[in-house]
Amino acid sequence: MNSVPSKISPFEVQSSTLKKYMYMALGFAALFMTYVGVITPGIPFAVFLITAAWAFSKSSEKWHNYLYSHSTFGPFLYNWETERIFPRKARYLMMLSMWVSSTIIWVTTKSIHFTGAVVIIMILAILWTNRYPESSSINIS
């Protein structure tokens, strides 16, 4: 029996490469938003950080390792991956920054519709984090 090795079609190779770059672009966009969320009140960083870690796990070992070895993000991601724990400190900081942010939005815009839309998005983020157990013993700082 004579077996001829099959070749991967150029379309499959390009598709795989395209997927890799799409995941990498998503990872960088989410990482950017993570840093914005860390320094800007009202923008939760955790959702973007988890998205960045997931995207880099599919596209770049270097950047995935960077996130897990980061002094601030690493412990959070490790605890998230191993135990699906959203630390109490992170949860309280997120809710406090959202409250401050929504107050600033209301004071500066005086738009009930815009402020209401922002608050609804914030409530959805809080509900998402409350789905997971908390632990006060985990240090994220």
N, C-alpha and C. Protein backbone atom coordinates (compact mmCIF):
# COMPACT_ATOMS: atom_id res chain seq x y z
N MET A 1 0.83 -1.16 0.00
CA MET A 1 0.00 0.00 0.00
C MET A 1 0.89 1.24 0.00
N ASN A 2 0.64 2.07 -0.92
CA ASN A 2 1.44 3.25 -1.11
C ASN A 2 0.66 4.46 -0.59
N SER A 3 1.15 5.05 0.49
CA SER A 3 0.42 6.22 1.01
C SER A 3 1.18 7.49 0.65
N VAL A 4 0.43 8.42 0.18
CA VAL A 4 0.99 9.70 -0.20
C VAL A 4 0.59 10.71 0.87
N PRO A 5 1.58 11.38 1.45
CA PRO A 5 1.21 12.35 2.48
C PRO A 5 0.33 13.46 1.89
N SER A 6 -0.69 13.77 2.61
CA SER A 6 -1.59 14.83 2.12
C SER A 6 -1.01 16.19 2.46
N LYS A 7 -1.23 17.11 1.57
CA LYS A 7 -0.77 18.46 1.79
C LYS A 7 -1.91 19.30 2.36
N ILE A 8 -1.54 20.23 3.19
CA ILE A 8 -2.54 21.16 3.69
C ILE A 8 -2.75 22.21 2.62
N SER A 9 -3.98 22.46 2.31
CA SER A 9 -4.26 23.44 1.27
C SER A 9 -3.83 24.83 1.74
N PRO A 10 -3.41 25.68 0.80
CA PRO A 10 -3.00 27.04 1.17
C PRO A 10 -4.10 27.81 1.89
N PHE A 11 -5.36 27.50 1.55
CA PHE A 11 -6.47 28.19 2.19
C PHE A 11 -6.51 27.87 3.69
N GLU A 12 -6.27 26.59 4.06
CA GLU A 12 -6.28 26.20 5.46
C GLU A 12 -5.14 26.87 6.23
N VAL A 13 -3.99 26.97 5.61
CA VAL A 13 -2.85 27.61 6.26
C VAL A 13 -3.16 29.09 6.46
N GLN A 14 -3.68 29.75 5.46
CA GLN A 14 -4.00 31.16 5.58
C GLN A 14 -5.10 31.38 6.61
N SER A 15 -6.08 30.49 6.63
CA SER A 15 -7.16 30.60 7.59
C SER A 15 -6.62 30.48 9.01
N SER A 16 -5.71 29.54 9.23
CA SER A 16 -5.12 29.35 10.53
C SER A 16 -4.30 30.57 10.93
N THR A 17 -3.51 31.10 10.00
CA THR A 17 -2.71 32.29 10.27
C THR A 17 -3.62 33.49 10.51
N LEU A 18 -4.67 33.61 9.74
CA LEU A 18 -5.61 34.71 9.91
C LEU A 18 -6.26 34.63 11.29
N LYS A 19 -6.67 33.44 11.70
CA LYS A 19 -7.27 33.27 13.02
C LYS A 19 -6.30 33.69 14.12
N LYS A 20 -5.04 33.29 13.96
CA LYS A 20 -4.03 33.63 14.95
C LYS A 20 -3.91 35.15 15.10
N TYR A 21 -3.86 35.84 13.97
CA TYR A 21 -3.72 37.30 14.02
C TYR A 21 -4.99 37.98 14.52
N MET A 22 -6.14 37.39 14.24
CA MET A 22 -7.40 37.94 14.75
C MET A 22 -7.46 37.79 16.27
N TYR A 23 -7.07 36.61 16.78
CA TYR A 23 -7.02 36.41 18.23
C TYR A 23 -6.01 37.35 18.87
N MET A 24 -4.88 37.55 18.20
CA MET A 24 -3.85 38.43 18.74
C MET A 24 -4.35 39.88 18.78
N ALA A 25 -5.03 40.29 17.73
CA ALA A 25 -5.59 41.66 17.71
C ALA A 25 -6.62 41.83 18.82
N LEU A 26 -7.47 40.83 19.01
CA LEU A 26 -8.44 40.87 20.10
C LEU A 26 -7.73 40.93 21.45
N GLY A 27 -6.66 40.15 21.58
CA GLY A 27 -5.89 40.15 22.83
C GLY A 27 -5.28 41.51 23.13
N PHE A 28 -4.70 42.16 22.12
CA PHE A 28 -4.11 43.48 22.33
C PHE A 28 -5.18 44.53 22.63
N ALA A 29 -6.32 44.44 21.95
CA ALA A 29 -7.41 45.39 22.23
C ALA A 29 -7.92 45.20 23.66
N ALA A 30 -8.08 43.95 24.08
CA ALA A 30 -8.54 43.68 25.44
C ALA A 30 -7.48 44.09 26.47
N LEU A 31 -6.21 43.88 26.16
CA LEU A 31 -5.15 44.29 27.08
C LEU A 31 -5.11 45.81 27.21
N PHE A 32 -5.30 46.50 26.10
CA PHE A 32 -5.37 47.97 26.14
C PHE A 32 -6.51 48.41 27.04
N MET A 33 -7.68 47.80 26.88
CA MET A 33 -8.83 48.16 27.70
C MET A 33 -8.61 47.77 29.17
N THR A 34 -7.83 46.72 29.40
CA THR A 34 -7.48 46.35 30.77
C THR A 34 -6.72 47.48 31.44
N TYR A 35 -5.69 47.99 30.75
CA TYR A 35 -4.91 49.09 31.32
C TYR A 35 -5.76 50.35 31.48
N VAL A 36 -6.64 50.61 30.52
CA VAL A 36 -7.55 51.75 30.65
C VAL A 36 -8.45 51.55 31.87
N GLY A 37 -8.94 50.33 32.05
CA GLY A 37 -9.81 50.02 33.18
C GLY A 37 -9.11 50.14 34.53
N VAL A 38 -7.82 49.86 34.55
CA VAL A 38 -7.07 49.96 35.80
C VAL A 38 -6.94 51.42 36.24
N ILE A 39 -6.75 52.32 35.29
CA ILE A 39 -6.51 53.72 35.66
C ILE A 39 -7.76 54.60 35.57
N THR A 40 -8.83 54.10 34.95
CA THR A 40 -10.04 54.90 34.78
C THR A 40 -11.17 54.36 35.64
N PRO A 41 -11.71 55.19 36.50
CA PRO A 41 -12.83 54.70 37.32
C PRO A 41 -14.04 54.38 36.45
N GLY A 42 -14.72 53.31 36.79
CA GLY A 42 -15.95 52.95 36.09
C GLY A 42 -15.78 51.92 35.00
N ILE A 43 -14.56 51.68 34.57
CA ILE A 43 -14.32 50.67 33.54
C ILE A 43 -13.70 49.45 34.22
N PRO A 44 -14.45 48.36 34.32
CA PRO A 44 -13.91 47.19 35.00
C PRO A 44 -12.81 46.54 34.17
N PHE A 45 -11.69 46.25 34.80
CA PHE A 45 -10.57 45.67 34.07
C PHE A 45 -10.66 44.16 33.94
N ALA A 46 -11.35 43.49 34.86
CA ALA A 46 -11.32 42.03 34.94
C ALA A 46 -11.84 41.35 33.68
N VAL A 47 -12.94 41.82 33.15
CA VAL A 47 -13.53 41.20 31.95
C VAL A 47 -12.55 41.29 30.78
N PHE A 48 -11.92 42.45 30.64
CA PHE A 48 -10.97 42.64 29.55
C PHE A 48 -9.70 41.81 29.76
N LEU A 49 -9.27 41.70 31.01
CA LEU A 49 -8.08 40.90 31.32
C LEU A 49 -8.31 39.43 31.00
N ILE A 50 -9.44 38.92 31.39
CA ILE A 50 -9.77 37.51 31.11
C ILE A 50 -9.89 37.28 29.62
N THR A 51 -10.49 38.23 28.90
CA THR A 51 -10.59 38.12 27.44
C THR A 51 -9.21 38.14 26.80
N ALA A 52 -8.33 39.01 27.28
CA ALA A 52 -6.96 39.08 26.73
C ALA A 52 -6.23 37.77 26.96
N ALA A 53 -6.35 37.21 28.16
CA ALA A 53 -5.66 35.94 28.45
C ALA A 53 -6.18 34.83 27.55
N TRP A 54 -7.48 34.79 27.34
CA TRP A 54 -8.08 33.76 26.47
C TRP A 54 -7.59 33.93 25.03
N ALA A 55 -7.61 35.17 24.53
CA ALA A 55 -7.19 35.42 23.14
C ALA A 55 -5.71 35.10 22.95
N PHE A 56 -4.87 35.49 23.90
CA PHE A 56 -3.45 35.20 23.78
C PHE A 56 -3.16 33.71 23.94
N SER A 57 -4.00 32.99 24.65
CA SER A 57 -3.80 31.53 24.77
C SER A 57 -4.00 30.85 23.43
N LYS A 58 -4.73 31.49 22.54
CA LYS A 58 -4.98 30.94 21.20
C LYS A 58 -4.05 31.51 20.14
N SER A 59 -3.22 32.52 20.52
CA SER A 59 -2.43 33.17 19.48
C SER A 59 -0.97 33.39 19.82
N SER A 60 -0.64 33.66 21.06
CA SER A 60 0.74 34.04 21.38
C SER A 60 1.14 33.54 22.76
N GLU A 61 2.02 32.58 22.78
CA GLU A 61 2.51 32.04 24.05
C GLU A 61 3.28 33.12 24.83
N LYS A 62 4.01 33.96 24.09
CA LYS A 62 4.80 35.03 24.72
C LYS A 62 3.90 35.99 25.51
N TRP A 63 2.84 36.47 24.90
CA TRP A 63 1.96 37.42 25.56
C TRP A 63 1.10 36.75 26.65
N HIS A 64 0.74 35.50 26.42
CA HIS A 64 0.00 34.75 27.44
C HIS A 64 0.87 34.61 28.69
N ASN A 65 2.13 34.25 28.51
CA ASN A 65 3.06 34.14 29.64
C ASN A 65 3.29 35.49 30.30
N TYR A 66 3.33 36.55 29.50
CA TYR A 66 3.50 37.90 30.06
C TYR A 66 2.37 38.21 31.04
N LEU A 67 1.13 37.92 30.65
CA LEU A 67 0.00 38.21 31.53
C LEU A 67 0.07 37.41 32.82
N TYR A 68 0.42 36.13 32.71
CA TYR A 68 0.46 35.28 33.89
C TYR A 68 1.66 35.57 34.79
N SER A 69 2.71 36.19 34.26
CA SER A 69 3.86 36.54 35.09
C SER A 69 3.82 38.00 35.56
N HIS A 70 2.80 38.74 35.13
CA HIS A 70 2.65 40.14 35.53
C HIS A 70 2.40 40.21 37.04
N SER A 71 3.01 41.18 37.70
CA SER A 71 2.92 41.25 39.17
C SER A 71 1.49 41.49 39.67
N THR A 72 0.69 42.24 38.94
CA THR A 72 -0.69 42.51 39.36
C THR A 72 -1.67 41.55 38.72
N PHE A 73 -1.54 41.33 37.43
CA PHE A 73 -2.53 40.53 36.72
C PHE A 73 -2.33 39.02 36.91
N GLY A 74 -1.10 38.60 37.12
CA GLY A 74 -0.79 37.17 37.23
C GLY A 74 -1.56 36.45 38.31
N PRO A 75 -1.50 36.94 39.57
CA PRO A 75 -2.25 36.25 40.62
C PRO A 75 -3.76 36.22 40.37
N PHE A 76 -4.29 37.32 39.86
CA PHE A 76 -5.72 37.37 39.55
C PHE A 76 -6.07 36.30 38.52
N LEU A 77 -5.29 36.23 37.43
CA LEU A 77 -5.56 35.25 36.38
C LEU A 77 -5.39 33.81 36.87
N TYR A 78 -4.36 33.58 37.67
CA TYR A 78 -4.13 32.23 38.19
C TYR A 78 -5.32 31.79 39.04
N ASN A 79 -5.77 32.67 39.94
CA ASN A 79 -6.91 32.33 40.79
C ASN A 79 -8.19 32.17 39.97
N TRP A 80 -8.31 32.97 38.94
CA TRP A 80 -9.48 32.84 38.08
C TRP A 80 -9.47 31.50 37.35
N GLU A 81 -8.32 31.14 36.80
CA GLU A 81 -8.22 29.90 36.02
C GLU A 81 -8.36 28.66 36.89
N THR A 82 -7.77 28.66 38.07
CA THR A 82 -7.78 27.45 38.89
C THR A 82 -9.05 27.28 39.70
N GLU A 83 -9.62 28.39 40.20
CA GLU A 83 -10.75 28.27 41.11
C GLU A 83 -11.98 29.07 40.71
N ARG A 84 -11.90 29.84 39.64
CA ARG A 84 -12.99 30.71 39.20
C ARG A 84 -13.42 31.64 40.34
N ILE A 85 -12.42 32.23 40.98
CA ILE A 85 -12.68 33.14 42.10
C ILE A 85 -12.50 34.57 41.62
N PHE A 86 -13.47 35.40 41.96
CA PHE A 86 -13.38 36.83 41.70
C PHE A 86 -13.18 37.47 43.07
N PRO A 87 -11.97 37.94 43.37
CA PRO A 87 -11.65 38.40 44.73
C PRO A 87 -12.55 39.51 45.23
N ARG A 88 -12.83 39.47 46.51
CA ARG A 88 -13.69 40.46 47.16
C ARG A 88 -13.14 41.87 46.98
N LYS A 89 -11.84 42.03 47.15
CA LYS A 89 -11.23 43.35 47.03
C LYS A 89 -11.46 43.92 45.62
N ALA A 90 -11.29 43.11 44.61
CA ALA A 90 -11.50 43.56 43.23
C ALA A 90 -12.97 43.91 43.00
N ARG A 91 -13.85 43.11 43.56
CA ARG A 91 -15.29 43.36 43.41
C ARG A 91 -15.69 44.68 44.05
N TYR A 92 -15.22 44.94 45.26
CA TYR A 92 -15.56 46.18 45.95
C TYR A 92 -14.94 47.40 45.26
N LEU A 93 -13.71 47.27 44.81
CA LEU A 93 -13.08 48.38 44.09
C LEU A 93 -13.82 48.68 42.80
N MET A 94 -14.26 47.62 42.12
CA MET A 94 -15.01 47.80 40.88
C MET A 94 -16.32 48.54 41.15
N MET A 95 -17.05 48.11 42.17
CA MET A 95 -18.34 48.75 42.46
C MET A 95 -18.15 50.20 42.91
N LEU A 96 -17.12 50.47 43.70
CA LEU A 96 -16.85 51.84 44.13
C LEU A 96 -16.50 52.73 42.93
N SER A 97 -15.65 52.23 42.05
CA SER A 97 -15.27 53.05 40.89
C SER A 97 -16.45 53.25 39.95
N MET A 98 -17.35 52.28 39.86
CA MET A 98 -18.54 52.44 39.03
C MET A 98 -19.47 53.49 39.62
N TRP A 99 -19.62 53.49 40.95
CA TRP A 99 -20.47 54.48 41.60
C TRP A 99 -19.92 55.88 41.37
N VAL A 100 -18.61 56.05 41.57
CA VAL A 100 -17.98 57.36 41.36
C VAL A 100 -18.15 57.78 39.91
N SER A 101 -17.92 56.86 39.01
CA SER A 101 -18.01 57.15 37.58
C SER A 101 -19.42 57.56 37.17
N SER A 102 -20.41 56.82 37.63
CA SER A 102 -21.78 57.17 37.25
C SER A 102 -22.19 58.52 37.83
N THR A 103 -21.69 58.85 39.01
CA THR A 103 -21.96 60.16 39.60
C THR A 103 -21.32 61.26 38.76
N ILE A 104 -20.09 61.05 38.35
CA ILE A 104 -19.40 62.04 37.51
C ILE A 104 -20.13 62.20 36.17
N ILE A 105 -20.58 61.10 35.60
CA ILE A 105 -21.31 61.16 34.33
C ILE A 105 -22.59 61.97 34.50
N TRP A 106 -23.33 61.72 35.60
CA TRP A 106 -24.57 62.44 35.82
C TRP A 106 -24.31 63.93 36.02
N VAL A 107 -23.31 64.27 36.81
CA VAL A 107 -23.02 65.68 37.10
C VAL A 107 -22.56 66.42 35.85
N THR A 108 -21.76 65.75 35.01
CA THR A 108 -21.22 66.45 33.84
C THR A 108 -22.18 66.48 32.65
N THR A 109 -23.01 65.46 32.50
CA THR A 109 -23.87 65.42 31.30
C THR A 109 -25.31 65.85 31.58
N LYS A 110 -25.79 65.60 32.78
CA LYS A 110 -27.18 65.88 33.15
C LYS A 110 -28.17 65.16 32.21
N SER A 111 -27.70 64.10 31.58
CA SER A 111 -28.55 63.32 30.68
C SER A 111 -28.99 62.04 31.38
N ILE A 112 -30.26 61.95 31.66
CA ILE A 112 -30.80 60.77 32.33
C ILE A 112 -30.69 59.54 31.45
N HIS A 113 -30.85 59.71 30.13
CA HIS A 113 -30.78 58.56 29.22
C HIS A 113 -29.38 58.00 29.13
N PHE A 114 -28.41 58.88 28.96
CA PHE A 114 -27.02 58.42 28.85
C PHE A 114 -26.55 57.81 30.17
N THR A 115 -26.83 58.51 31.27
CA THR A 115 -26.44 58.00 32.58
C THR A 115 -27.13 56.67 32.86
N GLY A 116 -28.40 56.57 32.51
CA GLY A 116 -29.13 55.32 32.70
C GLY A 116 -28.54 54.17 31.91
N ALA A 117 -28.15 54.43 30.66
CA ALA A 117 -27.54 53.39 29.83
C ALA A 117 -26.21 52.93 30.43
N VAL A 118 -25.42 53.87 30.90
CA VAL A 118 -24.13 53.52 31.52
C VAL A 118 -24.36 52.71 32.79
N VAL A 119 -25.32 53.11 33.60
CA VAL A 119 -25.61 52.39 34.85
C VAL A 119 -26.11 50.98 34.55
N ILE A 120 -26.91 50.80 33.52
CA ILE A 120 -27.37 49.46 33.15
C ILE A 120 -26.19 48.57 32.78
N ILE A 121 -25.25 49.10 32.00
CA ILE A 121 -24.05 48.32 31.64
C ILE A 121 -23.26 47.98 32.89
N MET A 122 -23.16 48.92 33.81
CA MET A 122 -22.43 48.67 35.06
C MET A 122 -23.12 47.60 35.90
N ILE A 123 -24.43 47.65 35.96
CA ILE A 123 -25.18 46.64 36.71
C ILE A 123 -24.96 45.26 36.10
N LEU A 124 -24.94 45.17 34.78
CA LEU A 124 -24.68 43.88 34.13
C LEU A 124 -23.28 43.36 34.49
N ALA A 125 -22.31 44.25 34.55
CA ALA A 125 -20.95 43.83 34.93
C ALA A 125 -20.93 43.34 36.38
N ILE A 126 -21.65 44.03 37.25
CA ILE A 126 -21.71 43.60 38.66
C ILE A 126 -22.39 42.25 38.78
N LEU A 127 -23.48 42.05 38.05
CA LEU A 127 -24.17 40.75 38.07
C LEU A 127 -23.25 39.65 37.57
N TRP A 128 -22.46 39.94 36.54
CA TRP A 128 -21.52 38.95 36.01
C TRP A 128 -20.51 38.55 37.09
N THR A 129 -19.95 39.53 37.80
CA THR A 129 -18.95 39.20 38.81
C THR A 129 -19.57 38.49 40.00
N ASN A 130 -20.81 38.77 40.31
CA ASN A 130 -21.45 38.13 41.46
C ASN A 130 -21.82 36.67 41.20
N ARG A 131 -21.68 36.21 39.98
CA ARG A 131 -21.92 34.80 39.68
C ARG A 131 -20.83 33.91 40.25
N TYR A 132 -19.69 34.49 40.58
CA TYR A 132 -18.52 33.72 40.99
C TYR A 132 -18.25 33.92 42.47
N PRO A 133 -17.69 32.88 43.11
CA PRO A 133 -17.40 33.01 44.55
C PRO A 133 -16.31 34.03 44.80
N GLU A 134 -16.28 34.52 46.03
CA GLU A 134 -15.26 35.48 46.40
C GLU A 134 -14.40 34.89 47.51
N SER A 135 -13.22 35.41 47.62
CA SER A 135 -12.33 35.01 48.68
C SER A 135 -11.55 36.21 49.13
N SER A 136 -11.62 36.52 50.39
CA SER A 136 -10.89 37.68 50.90
C SER A 136 -9.42 37.36 51.11
N SER A 137 -9.05 36.09 51.04
CA SER A 137 -7.67 35.71 51.30
C SER A 137 -6.76 35.86 50.08
N ILE A 138 -7.34 36.10 48.93
CA ILE A 138 -6.54 36.23 47.71
C ILE A 138 -6.12 37.67 47.53
N ASN A 139 -4.85 37.87 47.33
CA ASN A 139 -4.29 39.21 47.18
C ASN A 139 -4.12 39.53 45.71
N ILE A 140 -4.77 40.59 45.23
CA ILE A 140 -4.62 40.96 43.81
C ILE A 140 -3.73 42.15 43.62
N SER A 141 -3.27 42.77 44.69
CA SER A 141 -2.45 43.96 44.52
C SER A 141 -0.97 43.65 44.59
